[in-house]
C-alpha atoms as a PDB file:
ATOM      1  CA  UNK A   1      -8.616  11.237  -9.412  1.00  0.00           C
ATOM      2  CA  UNK A   2      -9.541  13.363  -6.722  1.00  0.00           C
ATOM      3  CA  UNK A   3     -12.357  12.667  -6.983  1.00  0.00           C
ATOM      4  CA  UNK A   4     -12.001   8.842  -6.922  1.00  0.00           C
ATOM      5  CA  UNK A   5      -9.232   9.712  -3.961  1.00  0.00           C
ATOM      6  CA  UNK A   6     -12.186  11.050  -2.299  1.00  0.00           C
ATOM      7  CA  UNK A   7     -14.575   8.232  -2.908  1.00  0.00           C
ATOM      8  CA  UNK A   8     -12.168   6.008  -1.373  1.00  0.00           C
ATOM      9  CA  UNK A   9     -11.673   7.764   1.153  1.00  0.00           C
ATOM     10  CA  UNK A  10     -14.761   8.026   2.586  1.00  0.00           C
ATOM     11  CA  UNK A  11     -15.665   4.372   1.609  1.00  0.00           C
ATOM     12  CA  UNK A  12     -12.678   3.590   4.814  1.00  0.00           C
ATOM     13  CA  UNK A  13      -9.751   5.802   5.799  1.00  0.00           C
ATOM     14  CA  UNK A  14      -7.883   2.734   6.803  1.00  0.00           C
ATOM     15  CA  UNK A  15      -4.015   2.306   5.730  1.00  0.00           C
ATOM     16  CA  UNK A  16      -2.442  -1.251   5.100  1.00  0.00           C
ATOM     17  CA  UNK A  17       1.137  -2.442   3.603  1.00  0.00           C
ATOM     18  CA  UNK A  18       1.463  -4.203   0.381  1.00  0.00           C
ATOM     19  CA  UNK A  19       3.178  -6.510   1.371  1.00  0.00           C
ATOM     20  CA  UNK A  20       3.160  -7.931   5.348  1.00  0.00           C
ATOM     21  CA  UNK A  21       6.116  -9.907   6.098  1.00  0.00           C
ATOM     22  CA  UNK A  22       8.539  -7.295   3.899  1.00  0.00           C
ATOM     23  CA  UNK A  23       7.247  -4.088   5.848  1.00  0.00           C
ATOM     24  CA  UNK A  24       7.773  -6.300   8.974  1.00  0.00           C
ATOM     25  CA  UNK A  25      11.264  -6.403   7.879  1.00  0.00           C
ATOM     26  CA  UNK A  26      11.472  -2.773   7.500  1.00  0.00           C
ATOM     27  CA  UNK A  27       9.690  -2.938  10.707  1.00  0.00           C
ATOM     28  CA  UNK A  28      12.587  -4.451  12.546  1.00  0.00           C
ATOM     29  CA  UNK A  29      15.452  -3.557  10.918  1.00  0.00           C
ATOM     30  CA  UNK A  30      14.099   0.205  12.417  1.00  0.00           C
ATOM     31  CA  UNK A  31      14.150  -1.693  15.522  1.00  0.00           C
ATOM     32  CA  UNK A  32      16.905  -3.159  15.611  1.00  0.00           C
ATOM     33  CA  UNK A  33      18.910   0.088  13.420  1.00  0.00           C
ATOM     34  CA  UNK A  34      17.807   1.889  17.085  1.00  0.00           C
ATOM     35  CA  UNK A  35      19.054  -0.531  19.247  1.00  0.00           C
ATOM     36  CA  UNK A  36      22.266  -0.564  17.735  1.00  0.00           C
ATOM     37  CA  UNK A  37      22.548   2.785  18.280  1.00  0.00           C
ATOM     38  CA  UNK A  38      21.526   3.213  21.032  1.00  0.00           C
ATOM     39  CA  UNK A  39      24.033   0.848  22.586  1.00  0.00           C
ATOM     40  CA  UNK A  40      26.476   1.217  21.327  1.00  0.00           C
ATOM     41  CA  UNK A  41      26.572   6.124  20.761  1.00  0.00           C
ATOM     42  CA  UNK A  42      28.255   7.552  22.880  1.00  0.00           C
ATOM     43  CA  UNK A  43      26.493  10.015  25.401  1.00  0.00           C
ATOM     44  CA  UNK A  44      29.282  12.784  24.790  1.00  0.00           C
ATOM     45  CA  UNK A  45      29.357  16.064  23.098  1.00  0.00           C
ATOM     46  CA  UNK A  46      31.394  16.897  19.882  1.00  0.00           C
ATOM     47  CA  UNK A  47      34.791  17.995  20.074  1.00  0.00           C
ATOM     48  CA  UNK A  48      33.792  20.204  18.350  1.00  0.00           C
ATOM     49  CA  UNK A  49      31.589  22.664  20.897  1.00  0.00           C
ATOM     50  CA  UNK A  50      29.483  24.323  18.210  1.00  0.00           C
ATOM     51  CA  UNK A  51      27.535  21.323  17.175  1.00  0.00           C
ATOM     52  CA  UNK A  52      25.228  20.020  18.785  1.00  0.00           C
ATOM     53  CA  UNK A  53      23.066  16.620  18.730  1.00  0.00           C
ATOM     54  CA  UNK A  54      20.562  15.226  19.872  1.00  0.00           C
ATOM     55  CA  UNK A  55      19.098  11.868  18.867  1.00  0.00           C
ATOM     56  CA  UNK A  56      15.747   9.900  20.708  1.00  0.00           C
ATOM     57  CA  UNK A  57      14.260   6.845  19.269  1.00  0.00           C
ATOM     58  CA  UNK A  58      11.138   5.361  21.198  1.00  0.00           C
ATOM     59  CA  UNK A  59       9.007   2.339  20.088  1.00  0.00           C
ATOM     60  CA  UNK A  60       4.961   2.404  21.160  1.00  0.00           C
ATOM     61  CA  UNK A  61       3.926  -1.193  21.404  1.00  0.00           C
ATOM     62  CA  UNK A  62      -0.028  -2.206  22.367  1.00  0.00           C
ATOM     63  CA  UNK A  63      -1.107  -6.370  22.207  1.00  0.00           C
ATOM     64  CA  UNK A  64      -4.489  -8.022  22.990  1.00  0.00           C
ATOM     65  CA  UNK A  65      -5.490 -11.595  23.377  1.00  0.00           C
ATOM     66  CA  UNK A  66      -7.913 -13.458  24.695  1.00  0.00           C
ATOM     67  CA  UNK A  67      -8.666 -17.136  24.561  1.00  0.00           C
ATOM     68  CA  UNK A  68     -11.751 -18.748  24.834  1.00  0.00           C
ATOM     69  CA  UNK A  69     -13.257 -15.090  26.018  1.00  0.00           C
ATOM     70  CA  UNK A  70     -17.071 -14.638  27.154  1.00  0.00           C
ATOM     71  CA  UNK A  71     -17.065 -11.289  27.565  1.00  0.00           C
ATOM     72  CA  UNK A  72     -16.489 -10.875  23.575  1.00  0.00           C
ATOM     73  CA  UNK A  73     -13.342  -9.855  21.825  1.00  0.00           C
ATOM     74  CA  UNK A  74     -10.449  -9.737  19.012  1.00  0.00           C
ATOM     75  CA  UNK A  75      -6.782 -10.444  18.793  1.00  0.00           C
ATOM     76  CA  UNK A  76      -4.866  -7.830  17.305  1.00  0.00           C
ATOM     77  CA  UNK A  77      -1.204  -5.841  17.740  1.00  0.00           C
ATOM     78  CA  UNK A  78       0.211  -2.419  17.849  1.00  0.00           C
ATOM     79  CA  UNK A  79       3.260  -1.206  17.300  1.00  0.00           C
ATOM     80  CA  UNK A  80       5.222   2.236  16.116  1.00  0.00           C
ATOM     81  CA  UNK A  81       8.569   3.229  16.130  1.00  0.00           C
ATOM     82  CA  UNK A  82       9.103   7.081  16.094  1.00  0.00           C
ATOM     83  CA  UNK A  83      12.666   8.552  15.583  1.00  0.00           C
ATOM     84  CA  UNK A  84      14.209  11.971  16.304  1.00  0.00           C
ATOM     85  CA  UNK A  85      16.934  13.389  15.475  1.00  0.00           C
ATOM     86  CA  UNK A  86      18.097  17.537  15.658  1.00  0.00           C
ATOM     87  CA  UNK A  87      21.312  18.805  14.934  1.00  0.00           C
ATOM     88  CA  UNK A  88      22.285  22.233  15.130  1.00  0.00           C
ATOM     89  CA  UNK A  89      25.582  24.450  14.512  1.00  0.00           C
ATOM     90  CA  UNK A  90      26.645  27.549  15.710  1.00  0.00           C
ATOM     91  CA  UNK A  91      29.149  30.144  13.506  1.00  0.00           C
ATOM     92  CA  UNK A  92      29.906  33.547  13.593  1.00  0.00           C
ATOM     93  CA  UNK A  93      26.438  35.016  13.566  1.00  0.00           C
ATOM     94  CA  UNK A  94      24.904  31.562  11.270  1.00  0.00           C
ATOM     95  CA  UNK A  95      22.620  29.605  13.471  1.00  0.00           C
ATOM     96  CA  UNK A  96      22.055  26.028  11.451  1.00  0.00           C
ATOM     97  CA  UNK A  97      19.529  23.189  12.683  1.00  0.00           C
ATOM     98  CA  UNK A  98      18.367  20.457  10.824  1.00  0.00           C
ATOM     99  CA  UNK A  99      15.687  17.881  12.026  1.00  0.00           C
ATOM    100  CA  UNK A 100      14.494  14.525  10.882  1.00  0.00           C
ATOM    101  CA  UNK A 101      11.067  13.183  12.192  1.00  0.00           C
ATOM    102  CA  UNK A 102      10.408   9.969  11.424  1.00  0.00           C
ATOM    103  CA  UNK A 103       7.833   7.328  12.200  1.00  0.00           C
ATOM    104  CA  UNK A 104       6.196   4.060  11.101  1.00  0.00           C
ATOM    105  CA  UNK A 105       3.617   1.889  12.514  1.00  0.00           C
ATOM    106  CA  UNK A 106       1.059  -1.219  11.770  1.00  0.00           C
ATOM    107  CA  UNK A 107      -1.830  -2.404  13.256  1.00  0.00           C
ATOM    108  CA  UNK A 108      -2.451  -6.079  12.899  1.00  0.00           C
ATOM    109  CA  UNK A 109      -6.098  -7.990  13.782  1.00  0.00           C
ATOM    110  CA  UNK A 110      -7.184 -11.540  13.771  1.00  0.00           C
ATOM    111  CA  UNK A 111     -10.786 -10.118  11.800  1.00  0.00           C
ATOM    112  CA  UNK A 112      -8.724  -8.898   9.099  1.00  0.00           C
ATOM    113  CA  UNK A 113      -5.942 -10.592   6.390  1.00  0.00           C
ATOM    114  CA  UNK A 114      -3.985  -7.358   6.657  1.00  0.00           C
ATOM    115  CA  UNK A 115      -1.862  -5.371   8.006  1.00  0.00           C
ATOM    116  CA  UNK A 116      -2.699  -1.778   7.909  1.00  0.00           C
ATOM    117  CA  UNK A 117      -0.650   1.390   9.085  1.00  0.00           C
ATOM    118  CA  UNK A 118      -1.615   3.419  12.131  1.00  0.00           C
ATOM    119  CA  UNK A 119       1.377   6.239  10.867  1.00  0.00           C
ATOM    120  CA  UNK A 120       3.362   6.894   8.598  1.00  0.00           C
ATOM    121  CA  UNK A 121       5.338   9.411   8.485  1.00  0.00           C
ATOM    122  CA  UNK A 122       8.910  10.824   7.209  1.00  0.00           C
ATOM    123  CA  UNK A 123       9.931  14.470   7.640  1.00  0.00           C
ATOM    124  CA  UNK A 124      13.378  16.308   7.234  1.00  0.00           C
ATOM    125  CA  UNK A 125      13.286  20.516   7.945  1.00  0.00           C
ATOM    126  CA  UNK A 126      16.274  22.632   8.254  1.00  0.00           C
ATOM    127  CA  UNK A 127      16.510  26.409   8.926  1.00  0.00           C
ATOM    128  CA  UNK A 128      19.857  28.846   8.076  1.00  0.00           C
ATOM    129  CA  UNK A 129      19.581  31.363  10.550  1.00  0.00           C
ATOM    130  CA  UNK A 130      21.505  35.184  10.597  1.00  0.00           C
ATOM    131  CA  UNK A 131      20.753  35.536  14.377  1.00  0.00           C
ATOM    132  CA  UNK A 132      22.039  38.570  16.207  1.00  0.00           C
ATOM    133  CA  UNK A 133      21.103  41.125  18.995  1.00  0.00           C
ATOM    134  CA  UNK A 134      18.298  41.381  17.530  1.00  0.00           C
ATOM    135  CA  UNK A 135      15.563  38.350  18.135  1.00  0.00           C
ATOM    136  CA  UNK A 136      14.544  38.588  14.837  1.00  0.00           C
ATOM    137  CA  UNK A 137      17.529  37.836  11.302  1.00  0.00           C
ATOM    138  CA  UNK A 138      17.458  36.917   7.636  1.00  0.00           C
ATOM    139  CA  UNK A 139      16.595  32.730   7.223  1.00  0.00           C
ATOM    140  CA  UNK A 140      16.190  30.200   4.364  1.00  0.00           C
ATOM    141  CA  UNK A 141      14.835  27.194   5.101  1.00  0.00           C
ATOM    142  CA  UNK A 142      13.951  23.422   3.515  1.00  0.00           C
ATOM    143  CA  UNK A 143      11.698  20.974   4.281  1.00  0.00           C
ATOM    144  CA  UNK A 144      10.684  17.115   2.803  1.00  0.00           C
ATOM    145  CA  UNK A 145       8.155  15.297   3.866  1.00  0.00           C
ATOM    146  CA  UNK A 146       6.243  12.165   2.843  1.00  0.00           C
ATOM    147  CA  UNK A 147       6.030   8.131   3.976  1.00  0.00           C
ATOM    148  CA  UNK A 148       7.879   5.239   4.215  1.00  0.00           C
ATOM    149  CA  UNK A 149       5.490   3.075   2.425  1.00  0.00           C
ATOM    150  CA  UNK A 150       2.985   2.729   0.150  1.00  0.00           C
ATOM    151  CA  UNK A 151      -1.320   3.033   1.753  1.00  0.00           C
ATOM    152  CA  UNK A 152      -4.169   1.684   0.787  1.00  0.00           C
ATOM    153  CA  UNK A 153      -8.108   2.484   1.285  1.00  0.00           C
ATOM    154  CA  UNK A 154     -10.805  -0.733   2.745  1.00  0.00           C
ATOM    155  CA  UNK A 155     -13.980  -1.321   1.429  1.00  0.00           C
ATOM    156  CA  UNK A 156     -16.242  -3.813   1.528  1.00  0.00           C
ATOM    157  CA  UNK A 157     -16.677  -6.524  -1.665  1.00  0.00           C
ATOM    158  CA  UNK A 158     -20.693  -7.739  -2.541  1.00  0.00           C
ATOM    159  CA  UNK A 159     -19.555 -10.706  -1.288  1.00  0.00           C
ATOM    160  CA  UNK A 160     -18.602  -9.500   2.510  1.00  0.00           C
ATOM    161  CA  UNK A 161     -14.953  -9.882   1.638  1.00  0.00           C
ATOM    162  CA  UNK A 162     -12.323  -6.950   2.477  1.00  0.00           C
ATOM    163  CA  UNK A 163     -10.919  -5.391  -0.442  1.00  0.00           C
ATOM    164  CA  UNK A 164      -8.402  -2.458  -1.081  1.00  0.00           C
ATOM    165  CA  UNK A 165      -7.292   0.033  -3.220  1.00  0.00           C
ATOM    166  CA  UNK A 166      -3.709   1.506  -3.529  1.00  0.00           C
ATOM    167  CA  UNK A 167      -3.781   5.174  -3.270  1.00  0.00           C
ATOM    168  CA  UNK A 168      -0.097   5.906  -2.200  1.00  0.00           C
ATOM    169  CA  UNK A 169       2.880   4.549  -2.823  1.00  0.00           C
ATOM    170  CA  UNK A 170       6.914   5.824  -1.118  1.00  0.00           C
ATOM    171  CA  UNK A 171       7.121   8.664  -2.008  1.00  0.00           C
ATOM    172  CA  UNK A 172       4.333   9.555  -2.915  1.00  0.00           C
ATOM    173  CA  UNK A 173       3.331  12.060  -2.571  1.00  0.00           C
ATOM    174  CA  UNK A 174       6.684  14.163  -1.854  1.00  0.00           C
ATOM    175  CA  UNK A 175       6.423  17.699  -0.817  1.00  0.00           C
ATOM    176  CA  UNK A 176       9.430  19.922  -1.062  1.00  0.00           C
ATOM    177  CA  UNK A 177       9.077  23.349   0.611  1.00  0.00           C
ATOM    178  CA  UNK A 178      11.411  25.541   0.411  1.00  0.00           C
ATOM    179  CA  UNK A 179      11.938  29.168   1.404  1.00  0.00           C
ATOM    180  CA  UNK A 180      13.684  32.737   2.404  1.00  0.00           C
ATOM    181  CA  UNK A 181      12.634  35.192   4.497  1.00  0.00           C
ATOM    182  CA  UNK A 182      13.131  35.793   8.411  1.00  0.00           C
ATOM    183  CA  UNK A 183      12.739  34.114  11.442  1.00  0.00           C
ATOM    184  CA  UNK A 184      12.440  34.393  14.814  1.00  0.00           C
ATOM    185  CA  UNK A 185      14.365  33.228  17.081  1.00  0.00           C
ATOM    186  CA  UNK A 186      14.933  33.829  21.043  1.00  0.00           C
ATOM    187  CA  UNK A 187      15.598  30.912  23.211  1.00  0.00           C
ATOM    188  CA  UNK A 188      16.109  27.454  21.904  1.00  0.00           C
ATOM    189  CA  UNK A 189      12.100  26.844  23.003  1.00  0.00           C
ATOM    190  CA  UNK A 190      10.654  28.535  19.941  1.00  0.00           C
ATOM    191  CA  UNK A 191      11.081  29.588  16.967  1.00  0.00           C
ATOM    192  CA  UNK A 192       8.811  30.794  13.587  1.00  0.00           C
ATOM    193  CA  UNK A 193       9.828  30.888  10.026  1.00  0.00           C
ATOM    194  CA  UNK A 194       7.618  34.086   7.984  1.00  0.00           C
ATOM    195  CA  UNK A 195       8.762  33.593   4.257  1.00  0.00           C
ATOM    196  CA  UNK A 196       6.571  35.393   1.888  1.00  0.00           C
ATOM    197  CA  UNK A 197       9.173  33.962  -0.819  1.00  0.00           C
ATOM    198  CA  UNK A 198       8.809  30.287  -1.241  1.00  0.00           C
ATOM    199  CA  UNK A 199       8.425  27.642  -3.445  1.00  0.00           C
ATOM    200  CA  UNK A 200       6.371  24.086  -3.474  1.00  0.00           C
ATOM    201  CA  UNK A 201       6.829  21.503  -5.280  1.00  0.00           C
ATOM    202  CA  UNK A 202       4.687  18.278  -5.340  1.00  0.00           C
ATOM    203  CA  UNK A 203       5.477  14.724  -6.733  1.00  0.00           C
ATOM    204  CA  UNK A 204       3.704  11.489  -7.094  1.00  0.00           C
ATOM    205  CA  UNK A 205       4.619   8.423  -8.765  1.00  0.00           C
ATOM    206  CA  UNK A 206       2.754   8.124 -12.706  1.00  0.00           C
ATOM    207  CA  UNK A 207       1.005   5.294 -11.603  1.00  0.00           C
ATOM    208  CA  UNK A 208      -1.649   7.524  -9.881  1.00  0.00           C
ATOM    209  CA  UNK A 209      -1.700   9.857 -12.516  1.00  0.00           C
ATOM    210  CA  UNK A 210      -1.739   7.923 -15.961  1.00  0.00           C
ATOM    211  CA  UNK A 211      -5.213   7.125 -16.050  1.00  0.00           C
ATOM    212  CA  UNK A 212      -7.472  10.674 -14.855  1.00  0.00           C
ATOM    213  CA  UNK A 213     -10.122  12.234 -16.785  1.00  0.00           C
ATOM    214  CA  UNK A 214      -9.555  15.233 -18.009  1.00  0.00           C
ATOM    215  CA  UNK A 215     -10.257  17.811 -14.925  1.00  0.00           C
ATOM    216  CA  UNK A 216      -9.041  15.654 -11.896  1.00  0.00           C
ATOM    217  CA  UNK A 217      -6.082  15.258  -9.871  1.00  0.00           C
ATOM    218  CA  UNK A 218      -4.199  13.814  -7.298  1.00  0.00           C
ATOM    219  CA  UNK A 219      -2.767  15.275  -4.491  1.00  0.00           C
ATOM    220  CA  UNK A 220      -3.554  18.589  -7.384  1.00  0.00           C
ATOM    221  CA  UNK A 221      -1.092  16.741 -10.099  1.00  0.00           C
ATOM    222  CA  UNK A 222      -2.901  17.017 -13.800  1.00  0.00           C
ATOM    223  CA  UNK A 223      -3.372  14.307 -15.663  1.00  0.00           C
ATOM    224  CA  UNK A 224       0.393  12.247 -17.177  1.00  0.00           C
ATOM    225  CA  UNK A 225       1.610  14.681 -15.067  1.00  0.00           C
ATOM    226  CA  UNK A 226       4.511  13.827 -12.012  1.00  0.00           C
ATOM    227  CA  UNK A 227       4.725  17.592 -10.715  1.00  0.00           C
ATOM    228  CA  UNK A 228       2.856  20.612  -9.397  1.00  0.00           C
ATOM    229  CA  UNK A 229       4.495  23.735  -8.584  1.00  0.00           C
ATOM    230  CA  UNK A 230       3.245  26.533  -6.150  1.00  0.00           C
ATOM    231  CA  UNK A 231       4.888  29.971  -5.155  1.00  0.00           C
ATOM    232  CA  UNK A 232       3.249  31.363  -1.922  1.00  0.00           C
ATOM    233  CA  UNK A 233       3.746  32.099   1.376  1.00  0.00           C
ATOM    234  CA  UNK A 234       4.371  30.138   4.355  1.00  0.00           C
ATOM    235  CA  UNK A 235       4.694  30.276   7.980  1.00  0.00           C
ATOM    236  CA  UNK A 236       5.997  27.662  10.007  1.00  0.00           C
ATOM    237  CA  UNK A 237       6.302  27.708  14.372  1.00  0.00           C
ATOM    238  CA  UNK A 238       8.213  24.984  16.671  1.00  0.00           C
ATOM    239  CA  UNK A 239       8.406  25.136  20.038  1.00  0.00           C
ATOM    240  CA  UNK A 240       8.659  23.186  23.297  1.00  0.00           C
ATOM    241  CA  UNK A 241       7.913  24.022  26.545  1.00  0.00           C
ATOM    242  CA  UNK A 242       7.850  22.140  30.163  1.00  0.00           C
ATOM    243  CA  UNK A 243       4.098  21.673  31.608  1.00  0.00           C
ATOM    244  CA  UNK A 244       5.166  19.702  34.166  1.00  0.00           C
ATOM    245  CA  UNK A 245       7.980  17.754  35.589  1.00  0.00           C
ATOM    246  CA  UNK A 246       8.707  15.262  33.669  1.00  0.00           C
ATOM    247  CA  UNK A 247       6.024  16.440  31.129  1.00  0.00           C
ATOM    248  CA  UNK A 248       6.823  18.537  28.001  1.00  0.00           C
ATOM    249  CA  UNK A 249       4.745  19.965  25.409  1.00  0.00           C
ATOM    250  CA  UNK A 250       5.788  20.109  21.546  1.00  0.00           C
ATOM    251  CA  UNK A 251       4.031  21.930  18.872  1.00  0.00           C
ATOM    252  CA  UNK A 252       4.648  22.053  15.271  1.00  0.00           C
ATOM    253  CA  UNK A 253       3.009  23.979  12.671  1.00  0.00           C
ATOM    254  CA  UNK A 254       3.364  24.125   8.698  1.00  0.00           C
ATOM    255  CA  UNK A 255       1.527  26.897   6.657  1.00  0.00           C
ATOM    256  CA  UNK A 256       1.456  27.595   3.914  1.00  0.00           C
ATOM    257  CA  UNK A 257      -0.541  29.857   0.962  1.00  0.00           C
ATOM    258  CA  UNK A 258      -0.310  29.847  -3.527  1.00  0.00           C
ATOM    259  CA  UNK A 259       0.363  32.652  -4.635  1.00  0.00           C
ATOM    260  CA  UNK A 260      -0.479  31.415  -8.353  1.00  0.00           C
ATOM    261  CA  UNK A 261      -4.098  30.048  -7.547  1.00  0.00           C
ATOM    262  CA  UNK A 262      -6.823  30.373  -4.385  1.00  0.00           C
ATOM    263  CA  UNK A 263      -4.559  32.392  -2.548  1.00  0.00           C
ATOM    264  CA  UNK A 264      -6.961  32.998  -0.123  1.00  0.00           C
ATOM    265  CA  UNK A 265      -6.404  28.913   0.977  1.00  0.00           C
ATOM    266  CA  UNK A 266      -3.865  28.224   3.412  1.00  0.00           C
ATOM    267  CA  UNK A 267      -3.660  24.511   3.189  1.00  0.00           C
ATOM    268  CA  UNK A 268      -1.636  23.689   6.996  1.00  0.00           C
ATOM    269  CA  UNK A 269      -0.772  20.510   9.096  1.00  0.00           C
ATOM    270  CA  UNK A 270       0.018  20.823  12.716  1.00  0.00           C
ATOM    271  CA  UNK A 271       0.968  18.173  15.706  1.00  0.00           C
ATOM    272  CA  UNK A 272       1.171  18.792  18.966  1.00  0.00           C
ATOM    273  CA  UNK A 273       2.957  16.387  20.978  1.00  0.00           C
ATOM    274  CA  UNK A 274       2.921  15.497  25.410  1.00  0.00           C
ATOM    275  CA  UNK A 275       5.855  13.587  26.700  1.00  0.00           C
ATOM    276  CA  UNK A 276       5.663  12.221  30.079  1.00  0.00           C
ATOM    277  CA  UNK A 277       8.495  10.635  31.422  1.00  0.00           C
ATOM    278  CA  UNK A 278       8.693   7.898  33.692  1.00  0.00           C
ATOM    279  CA  UNK A 279      12.243   7.011  34.306  1.00  0.00           C
ATOM    280  CA  UNK A 280      15.675   6.713  31.486  1.00  0.00           C
ATOM    281  CA  UNK A 281      13.841   4.244  29.847  1.00  0.00           C
ATOM    282  CA  UNK A 282       9.905   4.561  29.279  1.00  0.00           C
ATOM    283  CA  UNK A 283       7.730   7.171  28.854  1.00  0.00           C
ATOM    284  CA  UNK A 284       4.136   7.905  27.836  1.00  0.00           C
ATOM    285  CA  UNK A 285       2.974   9.891  24.531  1.00  0.00           C
ATOM    286  CA  UNK A 286       0.357  11.471  23.740  1.00  0.00           C
ATOM    287  CA  UNK A 287       0.409  13.139  19.610  1.00  0.00           C
ATOM    288  CA  UNK A 288      -2.195  14.805  18.325  1.00  0.00           C
ATOM    289  CA  UNK A 289      -1.956  15.609  14.263  1.00  0.00           C
ATOM    290  CA  UNK A 290      -4.390  18.048  12.208  1.00  0.00           C
ATOM    291  CA  UNK A 291      -3.817  18.177   8.506  1.00  0.00           C
ATOM    292  CA  UNK A 292      -5.861  20.140   5.480  1.00  0.00           C
ATOM    293  CA  UNK A 293      -4.862  20.486   1.536  1.00  0.00           C
ATOM    294  CA  UNK A 294      -7.357  20.342  -0.314  1.00  0.00           C
ATOM    295  CA  UNK A 295      -5.398  19.495  -3.231  1.00  0.00           C
ATOM    296  CA  UNK A 296      -5.864  15.944  -1.553  1.00  0.00           C
ATOM    297  CA  UNK A 297      -9.168  16.156   0.363  1.00  0.00           C
ATOM    298  CA  UNK A 298     -11.243  19.264   1.548  1.00  0.00           C
ATOM    299  CA  UNK A 299     -11.745  18.356   4.590  1.00  0.00           C
ATOM    300  CA  UNK A 300      -9.914  18.153   7.865  1.00  0.00           C
ATOM    301  CA  UNK A 301      -7.387  14.829   8.750  1.00  0.00           C
ATOM    302  CA  UNK A 302      -7.161  14.217  12.331  1.00  0.00           C
ATOM    303  CA  UNK A 303      -4.493  11.773  13.711  1.00  0.00           C
ATOM    304  CA  UNK A 304      -3.974  11.024  17.089  1.00  0.00           C
ATOM    305  CA  UNK A 305      -1.867   8.505  19.294  1.00  0.00           C
ATOM    306  CA  UNK A 306      -1.361   7.603  22.758  1.00  0.00           C
ATOM    307  CA  UNK A 307       0.490   4.568  24.580  1.00  0.00           C
ATOM    308  CA  UNK A 308       3.274   3.896  26.522  1.00  0.00           C
ATOM    309  CA  UNK A 309       6.811   4.359  24.470  1.00  0.00           C
ATOM    310  CA  UNK A 310      10.064   1.885  25.384  1.00  0.00           C
ATOM    311  CA  UNK A 311      12.364   4.882  24.063  1.00  0.00           C
ATOM    312  CA  UNK A 312      16.465   5.013  24.418  1.00  0.00           C
ATOM    313  CA  UNK A 313      18.526   9.125  23.697  1.00  0.00           C
ATOM    314  CA  UNK A 314      22.057   9.325  21.986  1.00  0.00           C
END
């Protein structure tokens, strides 16, 4: 299946949703939920001052429409919902921080019958650190990463029609990582985790592995199986710094190597985000992501999103 997956991705690196109506409903539901939260949430600190909560939701929309336009063009619509949530708790030399990073976006053009995904990300990261005067402390972490909905690869049929092939599904693949080690955290703007004892579970739906040929894999999972276990060393870093007034840079990096198999190979996931605040509701967002995971495809994967976002903080 890994070879089949590579061929499908090589054919076209476009993804879409299985059911446009259901996908639009989900997108609008997330948007409505974010609106309710922004309206009813109170911007006051918790009565227990050791709890700190931050949340941001943003909606990025782009539309192009043409009517008898001699210069040519294709009607299109793009929309992305981003949700960032962070909760931290400090007590008795223990610091616990949990973050949620979620996004879902799609595009629709008149030249295609399908509603296609542009971004689909779901990630929870939780780190528990014993802090003190020394910026280094013992720590443990849990990371969950997957996607919201199914994805498709596209190719062209013999008659010129657009053909889609399902290659991913809800929580398939799902990456779950847990580790023990040390964390460097001198300020709230930057932290680094070094965990020489790390376990990672890759879970997939059996619909993608039941028909695999001998020697084929799907995200590293062998035929007629749904899981793959790895043990290794991991490095994680998160940082946010102001570049200029109302402009901030956010970097996230996750690196892991498997002790049990091809230790010299490192899988990594790097995301850089630049937020440029216009006012309390409008901002410009540039996001670039690089991923390398040879269980899926031994090539660099890249993604870039840029646009003006309507957002709320609560």
